[in-house]
C-alpha cells in the first residue's frame, strides 16, 4: 500500500485490489456448471451464473476484505425467461408477417432503457462489500432521454436491414432511397457511437451508489472521441499496410511460374490469416485496454478515486495464450484462462483512498442499518445488460 499527501495535509492511501482465485478450484465449479447446464437444457445456467459470480466476487479483495454476490438463481432465471419469451415472439412473428415483426421489434426497443435500469439495479443491489450494498437509482425518465437518439439510429438501421429482402422487390427508386437511408444511419452510428457510449457509461456511473455515497464519472466526451479516433486511424493504417502486403504477395505469386496454382490457393489464405489475425488481436487488446482504463480510471466515490493501469502488450499476451490454451485443450483450460485474466486485472486496479477506508465503510454501514431494506426488488432482473 502506498500513501501520499495532498495540499491540505489529508493522507491518500493507495489500496490495491487482489484476486486470490485458483484455477483448479474454479475448474471444479465450472465443469459442474457446464454439465448441469447441458443436462437441464440451459435452465441450470442461472444457478451456474450465481456460483461463478460468488466465486469471483469472494476472491476479489480490497483492503483485506472480499466482495459478495447475493443474487438468487430464481431471480436470474425470471429475467432470462422474459428475455426468451420476447425473443421467441419476435422470431415467430418475423416468420409469419414482417409488418407484425417490425411492430414487435419497435415495442421491444422501447423497453430497452427500462430493462437496462432494472438490470443495473439488480446487479448492484446484489453486490456487497463489508456488508454494505451497492445500489442504483432507478431514473427511468432519464434513461429514456439518454437512449432516445441511439435507439432511433440503431433501431432504424436494424429494422431496415432485417426487412431488406422484402424491400428488394420494390421499384428501383424505393431501393435507392432505402439504400441511402441505411447508409446515412450506418454513418451516423459510426460518427456518434463515441458520444453514445460516453452518455450511456456516464448514466450508469452517476446513478450507482455504495451505501449512500454516489459515484461520479470524470471522463469527458472529448476523451471518448480521442480514444475512438485513434482506434479508427490505427485500424485504417494497420489494415491498409496488410492489404498492400497481401496484394504485393499475390502479384509476386502470379508472376512466379514455378509455383503451381494449387500452391497459390493454399498460400494466400495462410498469409492472410498470419497477417490479419495478429493485427486484429492487437487492435482488440489495444481498444479493450484503453476503454477499460478510461472507464474505471475516471470513477470516483466520495473523493476516493479508482485507478486502472492495464497494458496493451500484456493483454495481448493473455488473449493469445488463453486462446491457444483453450483451442488446444478443446475448452478445458477456459477456467485457467479466466482466473489468470481476473488476477491480472485486479493487480493493475487500485483505489486512491482519502483518509481511512475503514472509516468510510463504517459510515456507509451506519446509513444502511438506518435505511433498512428497500422495496421494489421484485422488478429488478438480470437480462444481461
Protein backbone atom coordinates (compact mmCIF):
# COMPACT_ATOMS: atom_id res chain seq x y z
CA UNK A 1 0.00 0.00 0.00
CA UNK A 2 1.37 3.41 -0.98
CA UNK A 3 0.49 6.69 0.74
CA UNK A 4 0.94 10.35 -0.10
CA UNK A 5 -0.44 13.73 0.92
CA UNK A 6 -2.49 16.34 -0.89
CA UNK A 7 -2.17 20.09 -0.38
CA UNK A 8 -4.39 20.34 2.71
CA UNK A 9 -2.41 17.63 4.52
CA UNK A 10 -5.00 14.89 4.01
CA UNK A 11 -3.44 11.45 3.68
CA UNK A 12 -4.04 9.50 0.44
CA UNK A 13 -3.65 5.72 0.70
CA UNK A 14 -3.47 3.60 -2.42
CA UNK A 15 -5.35 0.37 -1.77
CA UNK A 16 -4.69 -2.28 -4.45
CA UNK A 17 -7.27 -4.87 -5.44
CA UNK A 18 -6.27 -8.51 -5.15
CA UNK A 19 -7.62 -11.68 -6.72
CA UNK A 20 -6.94 -14.94 -4.86
CA UNK A 21 -8.84 -17.45 -7.03
CA UNK A 22 -7.12 -20.66 -8.17
CA UNK A 23 -7.61 -22.41 -11.50
CA UNK A 24 -8.17 -25.89 -10.02
CA UNK A 25 -10.79 -24.60 -7.56
CA UNK A 26 -12.70 -22.79 -10.27
CA UNK A 27 -12.39 -25.75 -12.67
CA UNK A 28 -14.42 -27.92 -10.27
CA UNK A 29 -17.17 -25.26 -10.24
CA UNK A 30 -17.00 -24.66 -13.99
CA UNK A 31 -17.19 -28.32 -15.09
CA UNK A 32 -20.24 -28.98 -12.88
CA UNK A 33 -21.89 -25.83 -14.25
CA UNK A 34 -21.28 -26.93 -17.85
CA UNK A 35 -22.56 -30.47 -17.35
CA UNK A 36 -25.70 -29.48 -15.44
CA UNK A 37 -26.49 -26.65 -17.87
CA UNK A 38 -26.37 -29.12 -20.78
CA UNK A 39 -28.43 -31.75 -18.94
CA UNK A 40 -31.13 -29.22 -17.99
CA UNK A 41 -31.24 -27.64 -21.48
CA UNK A 42 -29.92 -24.35 -20.15
CA UNK A 43 -32.14 -23.95 -17.08
CA UNK A 44 -29.24 -24.51 -14.67
CA UNK A 45 -27.34 -21.60 -16.29
CA UNK A 46 -28.96 -19.24 -13.75
CA UNK A 47 -27.52 -21.29 -10.88
CA UNK A 48 -24.22 -21.53 -12.76
CA UNK A 49 -24.01 -17.74 -13.01
CA UNK A 50 -24.62 -17.32 -9.28
CA UNK A 51 -21.96 -19.90 -8.36
CA UNK A 52 -19.46 -18.31 -10.76
CA UNK A 53 -20.10 -14.76 -9.56
CA UNK A 54 -19.96 -15.83 -5.91
CA UNK A 55 -16.55 -17.39 -6.53
CA UNK A 56 -15.09 -14.40 -8.40
CA UNK A 57 -16.60 -11.81 -6.03
CA UNK A 58 -15.49 -13.78 -2.97
CA UNK A 59 -11.92 -13.97 -4.24
CA UNK A 60 -11.68 -10.27 -5.10
CA UNK A 61 -10.26 -8.37 -2.15
CA UNK A 62 -9.83 -4.70 -1.29
CA UNK A 63 -8.05 -3.72 1.93
CA UNK A 64 -8.19 -7.33 3.07
CA UNK A 65 -11.99 -7.68 2.70
CA UNK A 66 -13.76 -9.56 -0.08
CA UNK A 67 -16.82 -8.66 -2.13
CA UNK A 68 -20.04 -10.70 -2.04
CA UNK A 69 -22.64 -11.61 -4.66
CA UNK A 70 -26.06 -12.22 -3.12
CA UNK A 71 -28.42 -12.81 -6.06
CA UNK A 72 -30.79 -15.77 -6.03
CA UNK A 73 -30.76 -18.05 -9.11
CA UNK A 74 -34.54 -17.87 -9.46
CA UNK A 75 -34.30 -14.08 -9.92
CA UNK A 76 -31.87 -14.55 -12.79
CA UNK A 77 -34.00 -17.31 -14.30
CA UNK A 78 -37.01 -14.97 -14.20
CA UNK A 79 -35.19 -12.36 -16.29
CA UNK A 80 -33.93 -14.94 -18.77
CA UNK A 81 -37.40 -16.42 -19.23
CA UNK A 82 -38.78 -12.94 -20.00
CA UNK A 83 -35.95 -12.29 -22.48
CA UNK A 84 -36.51 -15.72 -24.11
CA UNK A 85 -40.27 -15.17 -24.44
CA UNK A 86 -39.74 -11.77 -26.09
CA UNK A 87 -37.20 -13.26 -28.49
CA UNK A 88 -39.47 -16.16 -29.45
CA UNK A 89 -42.43 -13.82 -30.03
CA UNK A 90 -40.30 -11.71 -32.37
CA UNK A 91 -38.82 -14.79 -34.08
CA UNK A 92 -42.16 -16.41 -34.92
CA UNK A 93 -43.67 -13.05 -35.89
CA UNK A 94 -40.80 -12.45 -38.34
CA UNK A 95 -41.54 -15.81 -39.97
CA UNK A 96 -45.26 -15.09 -40.20
CA UNK A 97 -45.53 -11.40 -41.08
CA UNK A 98 -42.71 -8.83 -41.44
CA UNK A 99 -45.03 -5.93 -40.56
CA UNK A 100 -46.10 -7.50 -37.26
CA UNK A 101 -42.46 -8.40 -36.57
CA UNK A 102 -41.47 -4.76 -37.11
CA UNK A 103 -44.13 -3.57 -34.65
CA UNK A 104 -42.96 -6.11 -32.04
CA UNK A 105 -39.33 -5.11 -32.64
CA UNK A 106 -40.16 -1.44 -32.02
CA UNK A 107 -42.07 -2.41 -28.86
CA UNK A 108 -39.05 -4.36 -27.55
CA UNK A 109 -36.80 -1.42 -28.46
CA UNK A 110 -38.99 0.86 -26.35
CA UNK A 111 -38.45 -1.45 -23.36
CA UNK A 112 -34.63 -1.49 -23.62
CA UNK A 113 -33.98 1.61 -21.43
CA UNK A 114 -36.24 0.21 -18.69
CA UNK A 115 -34.51 -3.17 -18.93
CA UNK A 116 -31.09 -1.51 -18.62
CA UNK A 117 -32.16 0.29 -15.44
CA UNK A 118 -33.70 -2.85 -13.91
CA UNK A 119 -30.67 -4.94 -14.84
CA UNK A 120 -28.21 -2.41 -13.35
CA UNK A 121 -30.31 -2.19 -10.20
CA UNK A 122 -30.32 -5.98 -9.90
CA UNK A 123 -26.57 -6.30 -10.44
CA UNK A 124 -25.60 -3.59 -7.96
CA UNK A 125 -28.18 -4.43 -5.27
CA UNK A 126 -26.75 -7.93 -5.21
CA UNK A 127 -23.15 -6.75 -4.86
CA UNK A 128 -21.76 -6.10 -1.38
CA UNK A 129 -18.53 -5.03 0.27
CA UNK A 130 -18.11 -5.29 4.03
CA UNK A 131 -21.86 -5.83 4.46
CA UNK A 132 -22.73 -2.63 2.59
CA UNK A 133 -24.76 -2.96 -0.60
CA UNK A 134 -24.13 -1.15 -3.83
CA UNK A 135 -27.24 0.36 -5.38
CA UNK A 136 -28.59 2.05 -8.49
CA UNK A 137 -31.07 4.92 -8.73
CA UNK A 138 -33.98 3.89 -10.94
CA UNK A 139 -34.21 7.01 -13.09
CA UNK A 140 -36.41 5.63 -15.88
CA UNK A 141 -37.21 9.04 -17.37
CA UNK A 142 -33.54 9.94 -17.55
CA UNK A 143 -32.77 6.54 -19.10
CA UNK A 144 -35.24 7.14 -21.92
CA UNK A 145 -33.71 10.57 -22.60
CA UNK A 146 -30.22 9.03 -22.75
CA UNK A 147 -31.23 6.15 -25.02
CA UNK A 148 -33.60 8.09 -27.29
CA UNK A 149 -31.20 9.16 -30.08
CA UNK A 150 -29.13 5.91 -30.11
CA UNK A 151 -32.38 3.93 -30.28
CA UNK A 152 -33.57 5.89 -33.34
CA UNK A 153 -30.35 5.27 -35.28
CA UNK A 154 -29.68 1.68 -34.23
CA UNK A 155 -33.34 0.67 -34.28
CA UNK A 156 -33.90 2.26 -37.69
CA UNK A 157 -30.83 0.58 -39.16
CA UNK A 158 -31.66 -2.87 -37.75
CA UNK A 159 -35.28 -2.55 -38.79
CA UNK A 160 -34.44 -1.68 -42.40
CA UNK A 161 -31.64 -4.25 -42.57
CA UNK A 162 -33.95 -7.02 -41.30
CA UNK A 163 -36.52 -6.20 -43.98
CA UNK A 164 -34.07 -5.79 -46.85
CA UNK A 165 -35.17 -8.92 -48.70
CA UNK A 166 -38.75 -7.67 -48.80
CA UNK A 167 -37.69 -4.18 -49.84
CA UNK A 168 -35.64 -5.55 -52.75
CA UNK A 169 -38.85 -6.47 -54.53
CA UNK A 170 -39.85 -2.80 -54.64
CA UNK A 171 -39.15 -0.45 -57.52
CA UNK A 172 -35.69 0.99 -58.24
CA UNK A 173 -36.39 4.40 -56.71
CA UNK A 174 -37.55 2.84 -53.44
CA UNK A 175 -34.47 0.59 -53.32
CA UNK A 176 -32.21 3.60 -53.89
CA UNK A 177 -33.94 5.59 -51.16
CA UNK A 178 -33.72 2.68 -48.71
CA UNK A 179 -30.03 2.25 -49.54
CA UNK A 180 -29.35 5.92 -48.88
CA UNK A 181 -31.25 5.82 -45.56
CA UNK A 182 -29.33 2.71 -44.44
CA UNK A 183 -26.00 4.33 -45.41
CA UNK A 184 -26.88 7.54 -43.52
CA UNK A 185 -27.95 5.58 -40.44
CA UNK A 186 -24.79 3.47 -40.53
CA UNK A 187 -22.60 6.56 -40.93
CA UNK A 188 -24.47 8.20 -38.05
CA UNK A 189 -23.83 5.15 -35.85
CA UNK A 190 -20.09 5.26 -36.61
CA UNK A 191 -19.76 9.03 -36.06
CA UNK A 192 -21.96 9.24 -32.98
CA UNK A 193 -21.00 5.98 -31.28
CA UNK A 194 -18.29 7.58 -29.05
CA UNK A 195 -20.84 10.13 -27.81
CA UNK A 196 -23.44 7.41 -27.20
CA UNK A 197 -21.02 5.27 -25.24
CA UNK A 198 -19.99 8.29 -23.19
CA UNK A 199 -23.53 9.31 -22.21
CA UNK A 200 -24.61 5.71 -21.52
CA UNK A 201 -21.50 4.94 -19.42
CA UNK A 202 -21.88 8.22 -17.55
CA UNK A 203 -25.57 7.46 -16.91
CA UNK A 204 -24.70 4.08 -15.40
CA UNK A 205 -21.85 5.52 -13.31
CA UNK A 206 -23.51 8.60 -11.80
CA UNK A 207 -26.62 6.67 -10.74
CA UNK A 208 -24.59 4.00 -8.94
CA UNK A 209 -24.14 4.14 -5.17
CA UNK A 210 -22.25 2.45 -2.38
CA UNK A 211 -24.43 2.82 0.69
CA UNK A 212 -25.43 6.48 0.48
CA UNK A 213 -22.24 7.55 -1.34
CA UNK A 214 -22.68 8.48 -5.01
CA UNK A 215 -20.27 7.54 -7.76
CA UNK A 216 -19.10 10.25 -10.14
CA UNK A 217 -17.60 9.97 -13.61
CA UNK A 218 -14.92 12.49 -14.61
CA UNK A 219 -14.27 11.41 -18.23
CA UNK A 220 -15.41 13.79 -20.98
CA UNK A 221 -16.86 13.32 -24.42
CA UNK A 222 -13.54 14.59 -25.79
CA UNK A 223 -11.77 11.67 -24.09
CA UNK A 224 -14.10 9.19 -25.83
CA UNK A 225 -13.75 10.75 -29.27
CA UNK A 226 -9.97 10.87 -28.81
CA UNK A 227 -9.89 7.16 -27.97
CA UNK A 228 -12.13 6.13 -30.88
CA UNK A 229 -10.41 8.36 -33.44
CA UNK A 230 -7.03 6.85 -32.51
CA UNK A 231 -8.50 3.35 -32.77
CA UNK A 232 -10.10 4.13 -36.17
CA UNK A 233 -6.86 5.61 -37.53
CA UNK A 234 -4.76 2.73 -36.25
CA UNK A 235 -7.17 0.24 -37.86
CA UNK A 236 -7.02 2.07 -41.20
CA UNK A 237 -3.21 2.25 -41.15
CA UNK A 238 -2.63 -1.34 -39.99
CA UNK A 239 -5.12 -2.98 -42.34
CA UNK A 240 -4.02 -0.68 -45.16
CA UNK A 241 -0.46 -1.93 -44.76
CA UNK A 242 -1.65 -5.54 -44.52
CA UNK A 243 -3.76 -5.08 -47.65
CA UNK A 244 -0.79 -3.66 -49.57
CA UNK A 245 1.41 -6.58 -48.43
CA UNK A 246 -1.20 -9.14 -49.49
CA UNK A 247 -1.71 -7.51 -52.90
CA UNK A 248 2.06 -7.39 -53.41
CA UNK A 249 2.50 -11.05 -52.47
CA UNK A 250 -0.39 -12.14 -54.68
CA UNK A 251 1.23 -10.23 -57.56
CA UNK A 252 4.54 -11.98 -56.98
CA UNK A 253 2.79 -15.36 -56.83
CA UNK A 254 1.03 -14.68 -60.12
CA UNK A 255 4.33 -13.90 -61.81
CA UNK A 256 6.07 -16.93 -60.30
CA UNK A 257 5.93 -19.64 -62.96
CA UNK A 258 7.50 -22.24 -60.67
CA UNK A 259 4.61 -22.21 -58.23
CA UNK A 260 1.53 -24.26 -59.09
CA UNK A 261 -1.98 -22.84 -58.90
CA UNK A 262 -2.70 -25.25 -56.03
CA UNK A 263 0.18 -23.82 -54.05
CA UNK A 264 -1.15 -20.32 -54.77
CA UNK A 265 -4.56 -21.28 -53.41
CA UNK A 266 -3.05 -22.70 -50.23
CA UNK A 267 -0.53 -19.90 -49.62
CA UNK A 268 -2.80 -16.85 -49.95
CA UNK A 269 -5.36 -17.79 -47.21
CA UNK A 270 -2.49 -18.81 -44.90
CA UNK A 271 -0.73 -15.47 -45.39
CA UNK A 272 -3.99 -13.58 -44.81
CA UNK A 273 -4.57 -15.48 -41.55
CA UNK A 274 -0.98 -14.96 -40.36
CA UNK A 275 -1.20 -11.22 -41.02
CA UNK A 276 -4.83 -10.34 -40.23
CA UNK A 277 -5.39 -12.42 -37.08
CA UNK A 278 -2.43 -10.98 -35.06
CA UNK A 279 -3.35 -7.46 -36.21
CA UNK A 280 -6.96 -7.97 -35.13
CA UNK A 281 -5.88 -9.36 -31.75
CA UNK A 282 -3.55 -6.40 -31.15
CA UNK A 283 -6.23 -3.87 -32.09
CA UNK A 284 -8.75 -5.67 -29.89
CA UNK A 285 -6.30 -5.69 -26.96
CA UNK A 286 -5.47 -2.02 -27.57
CA UNK A 287 -9.10 -0.91 -27.64
CA UNK A 288 -10.20 -3.01 -24.64
CA UNK A 289 -7.24 -1.76 -22.61
CA UNK A 290 -7.80 1.92 -23.41
CA UNK A 291 -11.56 1.63 -22.92
CA UNK A 292 -11.26 -0.15 -19.55
CA UNK A 293 -8.67 2.33 -18.30
CA UNK A 294 -10.83 5.25 -19.46
CA UNK A 295 -13.96 3.97 -17.72
CA UNK A 296 -12.52 2.74 -14.42
CA UNK A 297 -9.80 5.39 -14.27
CA UNK A 298 -12.48 8.08 -14.16
CA UNK A 299 -14.70 6.55 -11.48
CA UNK A 300 -14.78 8.37 -8.14
CA UNK A 301 -16.77 7.80 -4.99
CA UNK A 302 -16.88 10.38 -2.21
CA UNK A 303 -13.46 11.65 -3.29
CA UNK A 304 -11.90 8.18 -3.48
CA UNK A 305 -10.57 7.57 -7.00
CA UNK A 306 -10.33 4.27 -8.87
CA UNK A 307 -7.13 3.65 -10.86
CA UNK A 308 -6.85 1.22 -13.78
CA UNK A 309 -3.49 0.62 -15.48
CA UNK A 310 -3.98 -2.21 -17.96
CA UNK A 311 -1.17 -2.59 -20.52
CA UNK A 312 -1.92 -3.41 -24.16
CA UNK A 313 1.13 -5.68 -24.53
CA UNK A 314 0.23 -7.86 -21.55
CA UNK A 315 -3.44 -8.02 -22.51
CA UNK A 316 -2.37 -9.17 -25.99
CA UNK A 317 -0.18 -11.83 -24.38
CA UNK A 318 -3.14 -13.02 -22.30
CA UNK A 319 -5.51 -13.09 -25.29
CA UNK A 320 -3.03 -15.07 -27.43
CA UNK A 321 -2.00 -17.60 -24.77
CA UNK A 322 -5.55 -18.01 -23.44
CA UNK A 323 -6.94 -18.57 -26.95
CA UNK A 324 -4.26 -21.12 -27.81
CA UNK A 325 -4.69 -22.95 -24.49
CA UNK A 326 -8.48 -23.14 -24.88
CA UNK A 327 -8.24 -24.32 -28.51
CA UNK A 328 -5.57 -26.97 -27.83
CA UNK A 329 -7.50 -28.42 -24.86
CA UNK A 330 -10.94 -28.20 -26.52
CA UNK A 331 -12.09 -25.67 -23.93
CA UNK A 332 -10.89 -27.45 -20.78
CA UNK A 333 -8.43 -24.66 -19.90
CA UNK A 334 -11.11 -21.97 -20.03
CA UNK A 335 -11.23 -21.76 -16.19
CA UNK A 336 -7.43 -21.28 -16.11
CA UNK A 337 -7.73 -18.51 -18.71
CA UNK A 338 -10.45 -16.70 -16.75
CA UNK A 339 -8.53 -16.95 -13.47
CA UNK A 340 -5.27 -15.56 -14.84
CA UNK A 341 -7.13 -12.73 -16.61
CA UNK A 342 -9.02 -11.82 -13.42
CA UNK A 343 -5.76 -11.93 -11.43
CA UNK A 344 -4.04 -9.54 -13.85
CA UNK A 345 -6.98 -7.12 -13.98
CA UNK A 346 -7.09 -6.97 -10.18
CA UNK A 347 -3.32 -6.47 -9.94
CA UNK A 348 -3.45 -3.27 -12.01
CA UNK A 349 -6.58 -1.84 -10.36
CA UNK A 350 -6.49 0.13 -7.13
CA UNK A 351 -8.35 2.75 -5.12
CA UNK A 352 -6.81 6.04 -4.00
CA UNK A 353 -8.42 6.49 -0.60
CA UNK A 354 -8.58 9.90 1.05
CA UNK A 355 -8.07 9.26 4.74
CA UNK A 356 -9.12 5.85 6.02
CA UNK A 357 -11.19 3.34 4.04
CA UNK A 358 -12.46 1.65 7.21
CA UNK A 359 -13.96 4.92 8.44
CA UNK A 360 -15.65 5.49 5.09
CA UNK A 361 -17.13 1.97 5.09
CA UNK A 362 -18.28 2.36 8.70
CA UNK A 363 -20.22 5.48 7.70
CA UNK A 364 -21.96 3.54 4.92
CA UNK A 365 -22.79 0.68 7.32
CA UNK A 366 -24.50 3.11 9.70
CA UNK A 367 -26.50 4.60 6.82
CA UNK A 368 -27.57 1.18 5.55
CA UNK A 369 -28.63 -0.01 9.02
CA UNK A 370 -30.80 3.06 9.40
CA UNK A 371 -32.21 2.77 5.89
CA UNK A 372 -33.17 -0.90 6.10
CA UNK A 373 -34.18 -2.98 3.08
CA UNK A 374 -35.63 -1.14 0.12
CA UNK A 375 -38.81 -2.18 -1.61
CA UNK A 376 -39.06 -2.70 -5.33
CA UNK A 377 -36.64 -5.61 -5.72
CA UNK A 378 -39.43 -7.55 -7.41
CA UNK A 379 -38.99 -5.51 -10.57
CA UNK A 380 -35.19 -5.83 -10.75
CA UNK A 381 -33.97 -8.51 -13.14
CA UNK A 382 -30.90 -9.80 -14.88
CA UNK A 383 -31.23 -9.53 -18.65
CA UNK A 384 -27.54 -9.31 -19.46
CA UNK A 385 -27.36 -5.53 -19.92
